[in-house]
Amino acid sequence: MSKQFVEVDERWTHLIAVFYYVEGALYELVEDFGCVNPRMRVRNDASASFIEYCCEKISEKPGELVSLEEGKENEVISGYEYSDDTCSMGEDPYTLLNKKVVKEVLSKSIELLTPYTHITSQTGIEYLLTVLSNGRGYLIEGEENKIVVPMSKALFSLHTHPNNCLLSPHDVRSLSNTLMYRGIGGGVISRDCYLVLIRSGPFTEEDLMNLVKFREALRRMRIDELNDYIGRGSVGTNLRIHTNYLHIRRL
């Protein structure tokens, strides 16, 4: 049973949700409306984001986009519109992810959890930070050497470990579920290190198979193979490794 449950409502948690809805709109535009070369522009209002979008070619302009309507219901998105100017001034949605979301999410989530890594190091009690599609994060206190997440469909999560930052096979399974739900990633942080996997593009079947191989390397503690992943900085094509590990030593 979790002992602590704190809500985190900040710009960076909203950014994760904004990307989630923008990516959903991208799929809708391409698959349902024949959109070619979609571009998006995000205008940050006081409490939500306004989305402008454009397509180089489109069979018909949608009256509404289901994903962005859901974002409005969750008060992450204030509104949206088709704008011809966005074709020249907007960005590919994954540019939003790689230029804006990743940097801010990494710095803010690590900053938020760092004080709790010292508690975990001393007591073994783990803490988890998870962000949902309502644009809010939740800091959850778990138990010694484990944490049970009382929610599903997280878009991002980061949790503390007592001694190292290697994901467990269970952590990787949870991460794959997050990615298949169109979340951006997750990872582990301890007092001296962090290891976070965040996608840089769509999560593909090839990425999933590579993540399975990564999990197997962790399960069998194949140190040389794990260090190859660290050296490449990626697992598959679209899953980037963000870490301060130079290399992993045998435990």
C-alpha atoms as a PDB file:
ATOM      1  CA  MET A   1       0.000   0.000   0.000  1.00  0.00           C
ATOM      2  CA  SER A   2       1.485   3.345  -1.000  1.00  0.00           C
ATOM      3  CA  LYS A   3       2.137   5.718   1.891  1.00  0.00           C
ATOM      4  CA  GLN A   4       2.576   8.956  -0.038  1.00  0.00           C
ATOM      5  CA  PHE A   5       0.762  10.270  -3.103  1.00  0.00           C
ATOM      6  CA  VAL A   6       1.692  13.781  -4.226  1.00  0.00           C
ATOM      7  CA  GLU A   7       0.379  15.497  -7.366  1.00  0.00           C
ATOM      8  CA  VAL A   8       2.857  17.314  -9.607  1.00  0.00           C
ATOM      9  CA  ASP A   9       1.246  19.844 -11.955  1.00  0.00           C
ATOM     10  CA  GLU A  10       3.973  21.649 -13.905  1.00  0.00           C
ATOM     11  CA  ARG A  11       4.807  22.782 -17.430  1.00  0.00           C
ATOM     12  CA  TRP A  12       6.981  19.746 -18.158  1.00  0.00           C
ATOM     13  CA  THR A  13       4.287  17.253 -17.120  1.00  0.00           C
ATOM     14  CA  HIS A  14       1.861  19.077 -19.423  1.00  0.00           C
ATOM     15  CA  LEU A  15       4.405  18.932 -22.265  1.00  0.00           C
ATOM     16  CA  ILE A  16       4.404  15.136 -22.134  1.00  0.00           C
ATOM     17  CA  ALA A  17       0.628  15.030 -22.445  1.00  0.00           C
ATOM     18  CA  VAL A  18       0.630  17.662 -25.214  1.00  0.00           C
ATOM     19  CA  PHE A  19       2.965  15.495 -27.280  1.00  0.00           C
ATOM     20  CA  TYR A  20       0.757  12.463 -26.627  1.00  0.00           C
ATOM     21  CA  TYR A  21      -2.283  14.229 -28.082  1.00  0.00           C
ATOM     22  CA  VAL A  22      -0.320  15.844 -30.920  1.00  0.00           C
ATOM     23  CA  GLU A  23       1.064  12.463 -31.984  1.00  0.00           C
ATOM     24  CA  GLY A  24      -2.433  11.000 -31.864  1.00  0.00           C
ATOM     25  CA  ALA A  25      -3.611  13.812 -34.134  1.00  0.00           C
ATOM     26  CA  LEU A  26      -0.717  13.086 -36.491  1.00  0.00           C
ATOM     27  CA  TYR A  27      -1.892   9.491 -36.936  1.00  0.00           C
ATOM     28  CA  GLU A  28      -5.468  10.659 -37.491  1.00  0.00           C
ATOM     29  CA  LEU A  29      -4.436  13.180 -40.129  1.00  0.00           C
ATOM     30  CA  VAL A  30      -2.321  10.703 -42.069  1.00  0.00           C
ATOM     31  CA  GLU A  31      -4.587   7.661 -41.823  1.00  0.00           C
ATOM     32  CA  ASP A  32      -8.053   9.248 -41.989  1.00  0.00           C
ATOM     33  CA  PHE A  33      -7.528  12.408 -44.026  1.00  0.00           C
ATOM     34  CA  GLY A  34      -4.640  11.575 -46.353  1.00  0.00           C
ATOM     35  CA  CYS A  35      -2.380  14.227 -44.858  1.00  0.00           C
ATOM     36  CA  VAL A  36       1.050  14.513 -46.491  1.00  0.00           C
ATOM     37  CA  ASN A  37       3.988  16.064 -44.618  1.00  0.00           C
ATOM     38  CA  PRO A  38       2.072  17.241 -41.521  1.00  0.00           C
ATOM     39  CA  ARG A  39       3.414  20.173 -39.540  1.00  0.00           C
ATOM     40  CA  MET A  40       2.425  21.348 -36.072  1.00  0.00           C
ATOM     41  CA  ARG A  41       2.968  24.450 -34.004  1.00  0.00           C
ATOM     42  CA  VAL A  42       2.330  24.576 -30.265  1.00  0.00           C
ATOM     43  CA  ARG A  43       1.443  27.892 -28.651  1.00  0.00           C
ATOM     44  CA  ASN A  44       1.695  27.772 -24.886  1.00  0.00           C
ATOM     45  CA  ASP A  45      -1.148  29.620 -23.204  1.00  0.00           C
ATOM     46  CA  ALA A  46      -1.397  30.275 -19.472  1.00  0.00           C
ATOM     47  CA  SER A  47      -2.641  26.828 -18.465  1.00  0.00           C
ATOM     48  CA  ALA A  48      -2.920  24.845 -21.716  1.00  0.00           C
ATOM     49  CA  SER A  49      -1.523  24.697 -25.247  1.00  0.00           C
ATOM     50  CA  PHE A  50      -3.118  25.807 -28.504  1.00  0.00           C
ATOM     51  CA  ILE A  51      -2.270  23.613 -31.506  1.00  0.00           C
ATOM     52  CA  GLU A  52      -1.983  24.818 -35.096  1.00  0.00           C
ATOM     53  CA  TYR A  53      -1.528  22.220 -37.822  1.00  0.00           C
ATOM     54  CA  CYS A  54      -1.122  22.037 -41.581  1.00  0.00           C
ATOM     55  CA  CYS A  55      -0.629  19.432 -44.326  1.00  0.00           C
ATOM     56  CA  GLU A  56       1.243  19.858 -47.589  1.00  0.00           C
ATOM     57  CA  LYS A  57      -1.598  17.882 -49.164  1.00  0.00           C
ATOM     58  CA  ILE A  58      -4.842  16.689 -47.599  1.00  0.00           C
ATOM     59  CA  SER A  59      -7.921  14.965 -49.024  1.00  0.00           C
ATOM     60  CA  GLU A  60     -10.264  16.912 -46.744  1.00  0.00           C
ATOM     61  CA  LYS A  61      -9.842  19.154 -43.743  1.00  0.00           C
ATOM     62  CA  PRO A  62     -11.231  17.530 -40.596  1.00  0.00           C
ATOM     63  CA  GLY A  63     -14.007  19.182 -38.648  1.00  0.00           C
ATOM     64  CA  GLU A  64     -12.419  17.865 -35.489  1.00  0.00           C
ATOM     65  CA  LEU A  65      -9.608  15.574 -34.405  1.00  0.00           C
ATOM     66  CA  VAL A  66     -10.520  13.010 -31.763  1.00  0.00           C
ATOM     67  CA  SER A  67      -7.114  13.058 -30.082  1.00  0.00           C
ATOM     68  CA  LEU A  68      -7.058  16.839 -29.698  1.00  0.00           C
ATOM     69  CA  GLU A  69     -10.660  16.833 -28.478  1.00  0.00           C
ATOM     70  CA  GLU A  70      -9.570  14.414 -25.751  1.00  0.00           C
ATOM     71  CA  GLY A  71      -6.740  16.802 -24.910  1.00  0.00           C
ATOM     72  CA  LYS A  72      -9.293  19.595 -24.550  1.00  0.00           C
ATOM     73  CA  GLU A  73     -11.418  17.437 -22.232  1.00  0.00           C
ATOM     74  CA  ASN A  74      -8.367  16.877 -20.038  1.00  0.00           C
ATOM     75  CA  GLU A  75      -7.611  20.638 -20.128  1.00  0.00           C
ATOM     76  CA  VAL A  76      -4.162  20.042 -21.575  1.00  0.00           C
ATOM     77  CA  ILE A  77      -5.100  21.642 -24.893  1.00  0.00           C
ATOM     78  CA  SER A  78      -7.090  24.871 -25.055  1.00  0.00           C
ATOM     79  CA  GLY A  79      -7.971  24.594 -28.737  1.00  0.00           C
ATOM     80  CA  TYR A  80      -6.689  23.855 -32.233  1.00  0.00           C
ATOM     81  CA  GLU A  81      -7.079  24.987 -35.823  1.00  0.00           C
ATOM     82  CA  TYR A  82      -5.873  24.344 -39.356  1.00  0.00           C
ATOM     83  CA  SER A  83      -3.456  27.092 -40.405  1.00  0.00           C
ATOM     84  CA  ASP A  84      -1.776  27.337 -43.820  1.00  0.00           C
ATOM     85  CA  ASP A  85       1.094  29.315 -42.261  1.00  0.00           C
ATOM     86  CA  THR A  86       2.020  26.293 -40.155  1.00  0.00           C
ATOM     87  CA  CYS A  87       3.182  24.420 -43.279  1.00  0.00           C
ATOM     88  CA  SER A  88       6.143  26.806 -43.504  1.00  0.00           C
ATOM     89  CA  MET A  89       6.519  27.809 -39.857  1.00  0.00           C
ATOM     90  CA  GLY A  90       5.583  24.590 -38.049  1.00  0.00           C
ATOM     91  CA  GLU A  91       7.605  21.507 -37.148  1.00  0.00           C
ATOM     92  CA  ASP A  92       7.384  17.782 -37.512  1.00  0.00           C
ATOM     93  CA  PRO A  93       5.717  16.494 -34.299  1.00  0.00           C
ATOM     94  CA  TYR A  94       8.820  14.471 -33.399  1.00  0.00           C
ATOM     95  CA  THR A  95      10.890  17.655 -33.485  1.00  0.00           C
ATOM     96  CA  LEU A  96       8.684  18.824 -30.617  1.00  0.00           C
ATOM     97  CA  LEU A  97       9.552  15.618 -28.766  1.00  0.00           C
ATOM     98  CA  ASN A  98      13.302  15.756 -29.369  1.00  0.00           C
ATOM     99  CA  LYS A  99      13.922  19.511 -29.095  1.00  0.00           C
ATOM    100  CA  LYS A 100      11.587  20.498 -26.280  1.00  0.00           C
ATOM    101  CA  VAL A 101      10.062  17.592 -24.393  1.00  0.00           C
ATOM    102  CA  VAL A 102      13.057  15.314 -23.789  1.00  0.00           C
ATOM    103  CA  LYS A 103      15.426  17.943 -22.385  1.00  0.00           C
ATOM    104  CA  GLU A 104      12.882  19.420 -20.006  1.00  0.00           C
ATOM    105  CA  VAL A 105      11.479  16.068 -18.876  1.00  0.00           C
ATOM    106  CA  LEU A 106      14.921  14.671 -18.091  1.00  0.00           C
ATOM    107  CA  SER A 107      16.120  17.694 -16.123  1.00  0.00           C
ATOM    108  CA  LYS A 108      12.891  18.247 -14.181  1.00  0.00           C
ATOM    109  CA  SER A 109      12.130  14.620 -13.335  1.00  0.00           C
ATOM    110  CA  ILE A 110      15.701  13.945 -12.197  1.00  0.00           C
ATOM    111  CA  GLU A 111      15.705  17.149 -10.141  1.00  0.00           C
ATOM    112  CA  LEU A 112      12.414  16.183  -8.499  1.00  0.00           C
ATOM    113  CA  LEU A 113      13.420  12.625  -7.588  1.00  0.00           C
ATOM    114  CA  THR A 114      17.031  13.273  -6.548  1.00  0.00           C
ATOM    115  CA  PRO A 115      16.192  14.032  -2.860  1.00  0.00           C
ATOM    116  CA  TYR A 116      14.271  10.746  -2.676  1.00  0.00           C
ATOM    117  CA  THR A 117      17.250   8.743  -3.928  1.00  0.00           C
ATOM    118  CA  HIS A 118      18.972   9.430  -0.601  1.00  0.00           C
ATOM    119  CA  ILE A 119      15.966   8.052   1.289  1.00  0.00           C
ATOM    120  CA  THR A 120      15.947   4.973  -0.936  1.00  0.00           C
ATOM    121  CA  SER A 121      19.685   4.498  -0.416  1.00  0.00           C
ATOM    122  CA  GLN A 122      19.252   4.565   3.374  1.00  0.00           C
ATOM    123  CA  THR A 123      15.965   2.683   3.774  1.00  0.00           C
ATOM    124  CA  GLY A 124      15.431   0.705   0.561  1.00  0.00           C
ATOM    125  CA  ILE A 125      11.990   2.314   0.142  1.00  0.00           C
ATOM    126  CA  GLU A 126      11.456   3.144  -3.522  1.00  0.00           C
ATOM    127  CA  TYR A 127       9.688   6.188  -4.965  1.00  0.00           C
ATOM    128  CA  LEU A 128       8.076   6.539  -8.358  1.00  0.00           C
ATOM    129  CA  LEU A 129       7.184   9.571 -10.434  1.00  0.00           C
ATOM    130  CA  THR A 130       4.635   8.903 -13.162  1.00  0.00           C
ATOM    131  CA  VAL A 131       2.906  11.234 -15.649  1.00  0.00           C
ATOM    132  CA  LEU A 132      -0.551  10.564 -17.082  1.00  0.00           C
ATOM    133  CA  SER A 133      -2.523  11.852 -20.057  1.00  0.00           C
ATOM    134  CA  ASN A 134      -4.212  14.512 -17.904  1.00  0.00           C
ATOM    135  CA  GLY A 135      -0.878  16.337 -17.877  1.00  0.00           C
ATOM    136  CA  ARG A 136      -0.248  15.702 -14.198  1.00  0.00           C
ATOM    137  CA  GLY A 137       2.502  13.787 -12.487  1.00  0.00           C
ATOM    138  CA  TYR A 138       2.175  11.745  -9.318  1.00  0.00           C
ATOM    139  CA  LEU A 139       4.928  11.020  -6.827  1.00  0.00           C
ATOM    140  CA  ILE A 140       4.263   7.716  -5.099  1.00  0.00           C
ATOM    141  CA  GLU A 141       6.014   6.196  -2.095  1.00  0.00           C
ATOM    142  CA  GLY A 142       6.365   2.444  -2.320  1.00  0.00           C
ATOM    143  CA  GLU A 143       7.844  -0.252  -0.134  1.00  0.00           C
ATOM    144  CA  GLU A 144      11.290  -1.663   0.472  1.00  0.00           C
ATOM    145  CA  ASN A 145      12.848  -2.712  -2.854  1.00  0.00           C
ATOM    146  CA  LYS A 146       9.555  -2.493  -4.724  1.00  0.00           C
ATOM    147  CA  ILE A 147       6.745  -0.211  -5.718  1.00  0.00           C
ATOM    148  CA  VAL A 148       3.280  -1.108  -6.913  1.00  0.00           C
ATOM    149  CA  VAL A 149       1.858   1.432  -9.346  1.00  0.00           C
ATOM    150  CA  PRO A 150      -1.859   1.987  -8.618  1.00  0.00           C
ATOM    151  CA  MET A 151      -2.540   3.222 -12.158  1.00  0.00           C
ATOM    152  CA  SER A 152      -2.099   2.159 -15.758  1.00  0.00           C
ATOM    153  CA  LYS A 153      -1.391   3.925 -19.029  1.00  0.00           C
ATOM    154  CA  ALA A 154       1.458   6.097 -17.822  1.00  0.00           C
ATOM    155  CA  LEU A 155       3.128   8.304 -20.434  1.00  0.00           C
ATOM    156  CA  PHE A 156       6.406   8.532 -18.509  1.00  0.00           C
ATOM    157  CA  SER A 157       7.774   7.122 -15.266  1.00  0.00           C
ATOM    158  CA  LEU A 158      10.984   7.310 -13.286  1.00  0.00           C
ATOM    159  CA  HIS A 159      11.639   5.451 -10.047  1.00  0.00           C
ATOM    160  CA  THR A 160      14.414   5.166  -7.490  1.00  0.00           C
ATOM    161  CA  HIS A 161      16.736   2.220  -6.878  1.00  0.00           C
ATOM    162  CA  PRO A 162      18.937   1.789  -3.784  1.00  0.00           C
ATOM    163  CA  ASN A 163      22.299   1.021  -5.393  1.00  0.00           C
ATOM    164  CA  ASN A 164      22.351   1.061  -9.197  1.00  0.00           C
ATOM    165  CA  CYS A 165      20.426   2.236 -12.225  1.00  0.00           C
ATOM    166  CA  LEU A 166      19.960  -0.999 -14.114  1.00  0.00           C
ATOM    167  CA  LEU A 167      16.365  -1.695 -15.050  1.00  0.00           C
ATOM    168  CA  SER A 168      14.955  -5.000 -13.852  1.00  0.00           C
ATOM    169  CA  PRO A 169      13.235  -7.289 -16.390  1.00  0.00           C
ATOM    170  CA  HIS A 170       9.947  -6.206 -14.778  1.00  0.00           C
ATOM    171  CA  ASP A 171      10.917  -2.545 -15.289  1.00  0.00           C
ATOM    172  CA  VAL A 172      11.484  -3.234 -18.994  1.00  0.00           C
ATOM    173  CA  ARG A 173       8.108  -4.951 -19.318  1.00  0.00           C
ATOM    174  CA  SER A 174       6.443  -1.919 -17.749  1.00  0.00           C
ATOM    175  CA  LEU A 175       8.414   0.342 -20.092  1.00  0.00           C
ATOM    176  CA  SER A 176       7.294  -1.629 -23.152  1.00  0.00           C
ATOM    177  CA  ASN A 177       3.671  -1.238 -22.026  1.00  0.00           C
ATOM    178  CA  THR A 178       4.208   2.516 -21.685  1.00  0.00           C
ATOM    179  CA  LEU A 179       5.712   2.757 -25.159  1.00  0.00           C
ATOM    180  CA  MET A 180       2.997   0.663 -26.790  1.00  0.00           C
ATOM    181  CA  TYR A 181       0.441   3.011 -25.216  1.00  0.00           C
ATOM    182  CA  ARG A 182       2.291   5.868 -26.995  1.00  0.00           C
ATOM    183  CA  GLY A 183       4.052   7.046 -23.860  1.00  0.00           C
ATOM    184  CA  ILE A 184       7.528   8.508 -24.268  1.00  0.00           C
ATOM    185  CA  GLY A 185       9.563   6.271 -21.938  1.00  0.00           C
ATOM    186  CA  GLY A 186      10.882   5.789 -18.433  1.00  0.00           C
ATOM    187  CA  GLY A 187      13.823   4.717 -16.335  1.00  0.00           C
ATOM    188  CA  VAL A 188      15.637   4.432 -13.031  1.00  0.00           C
ATOM    189  CA  ILE A 189      17.560   6.844 -10.819  1.00  0.00           C
ATOM    190  CA  SER A 190      19.725   6.306  -7.738  1.00  0.00           C
ATOM    191  CA  ARG A 191      21.938   8.543  -5.632  1.00  0.00           C
ATOM    192  CA  ASP A 192      24.849   8.407  -8.098  1.00  0.00           C
ATOM    193  CA  CYS A 193      23.337   7.574 -11.477  1.00  0.00           C
ATOM    194  CA  TYR A 194      20.360   7.565 -13.796  1.00  0.00           C
ATOM    195  CA  LEU A 195      19.352   5.554 -16.856  1.00  0.00           C
ATOM    196  CA  VAL A 196      16.309   6.666 -18.832  1.00  0.00           C
ATOM    197  CA  LEU A 197      15.005   5.390 -22.165  1.00  0.00           C
ATOM    198  CA  ILE A 198      12.966   7.873 -24.213  1.00  0.00           C
ATOM    199  CA  ARG A 199      11.838   7.371 -27.771  1.00  0.00           C
ATOM    200  CA  SER A 200      12.812   9.798 -30.511  1.00  0.00           C
ATOM    201  CA  GLY A 201      10.166   8.721 -33.032  1.00  0.00           C
ATOM    202  CA  PRO A 202       7.304   6.241 -33.353  1.00  0.00           C
ATOM    203  CA  PHE A 203       7.741   3.050 -31.332  1.00  0.00           C
ATOM    204  CA  THR A 204       7.954   0.313 -33.967  1.00  0.00           C
ATOM    205  CA  GLU A 205       7.787  -3.476 -33.906  1.00  0.00           C
ATOM    206  CA  GLU A 206      11.539  -3.497 -34.543  1.00  0.00           C
ATOM    207  CA  ASP A 207      12.063  -1.294 -31.480  1.00  0.00           C
ATOM    208  CA  LEU A 208       9.951  -3.685 -29.409  1.00  0.00           C
ATOM    209  CA  MET A 209      12.033  -6.680 -30.505  1.00  0.00           C
ATOM    210  CA  ASN A 210      15.226  -4.813 -29.638  1.00  0.00           C
ATOM    211  CA  LEU A 211      13.771  -3.927 -26.239  1.00  0.00           C
ATOM    212  CA  VAL A 212      13.093  -7.636 -25.642  1.00  0.00           C
ATOM    213  CA  LYS A 213      16.763  -8.364 -26.416  1.00  0.00           C
ATOM    214  CA  PHE A 214      17.803  -5.568 -24.052  1.00  0.00           C
ATOM    215  CA  ARG A 215      15.644  -7.096 -21.311  1.00  0.00           C
ATOM    216  CA  GLU A 216      17.290 -10.480 -21.881  1.00  0.00           C
ATOM    217  CA  ALA A 217      20.750  -8.905 -21.590  1.00  0.00           C
ATOM    218  CA  LEU A 218      19.677  -7.360 -18.276  1.00  0.00           C
ATOM    219  CA  ARG A 219      18.157 -10.601 -17.024  1.00  0.00           C
ATOM    220  CA  ARG A 220      21.323 -12.570 -17.740  1.00  0.00           C
ATOM    221  CA  MET A 221      23.602  -9.650 -16.772  1.00  0.00           C
ATOM    222  CA  ARG A 222      25.547  -9.741 -20.016  1.00  0.00           C
ATOM    223  CA  ILE A 223      27.783  -6.832 -19.102  1.00  0.00           C
ATOM    224  CA  ASP A 224      29.610  -6.546 -22.434  1.00  0.00           C
ATOM    225  CA  GLU A 225      26.308  -6.488 -24.321  1.00  0.00           C
ATOM    226  CA  LEU A 226      24.847  -3.888 -21.952  1.00  0.00           C
ATOM    227  CA  ASN A 227      27.921  -1.705 -22.405  1.00  0.00           C
ATOM    228  CA  ASP A 228      27.457  -1.954 -26.171  1.00  0.00           C
ATOM    229  CA  TYR A 229      23.966  -0.491 -25.719  1.00  0.00           C
ATOM    230  CA  ILE A 230      25.377   2.282 -23.519  1.00  0.00           C
ATOM    231  CA  GLY A 231      28.062   3.027 -26.109  1.00  0.00           C
ATOM    232  CA  ARG A 232      25.531   3.227 -28.950  1.00  0.00           C
ATOM    233  CA  GLY A 233      23.186   5.333 -26.857  1.00  0.00           C
ATOM    234  CA  SER A 234      20.136   3.520 -28.147  1.00  0.00           C
ATOM    235  CA  VAL A 235      18.044   0.367 -28.075  1.00  0.00           C
ATOM    236  CA  GLY A 236      16.837  -0.106 -31.630  1.00  0.00           C
ATOM    237  CA  THR A 237      16.192   2.802 -33.976  1.00  0.00           C
ATOM    238  CA  ASN A 238      13.890   5.117 -32.043  1.00  0.00           C
ATOM    239  CA  LEU A 239      14.649   4.411 -28.386  1.00  0.00           C
ATOM    240  CA  ARG A 240      17.429   6.580 -26.963  1.00  0.00           C
ATOM    241  CA  ILE A 241      19.392   5.846 -23.797  1.00  0.00           C
ATOM    242  CA  HIS A 242      20.015   8.866 -21.560  1.00  0.00           C
ATOM    243  CA  THR A 243      22.458   8.044 -18.770  1.00  0.00           C
ATOM    244  CA  ASN A 244      25.503   9.229 -16.857  1.00  0.00           C
ATOM    245  CA  TYR A 245      26.952   5.710 -16.985  1.00  0.00           C
ATOM    246  CA  LEU A 246      30.218   5.623 -18.926  1.00  0.00           C
ATOM    247  CA  HIS A 247      30.163   1.858 -18.657  1.00  0.00           C
ATOM    248  CA  ILE A 248      28.600  -0.779 -16.440  1.00  0.00           C
ATOM    249  CA  ARG A 249      30.798  -2.786 -14.110  1.00  0.00           C
ATOM    250  CA  ARG A 250      30.075  -6.256 -12.870  1.00  0.00           C
ATOM    251  CA  LEU A 251      27.951  -6.114  -9.719  1.00  0.00           C
END
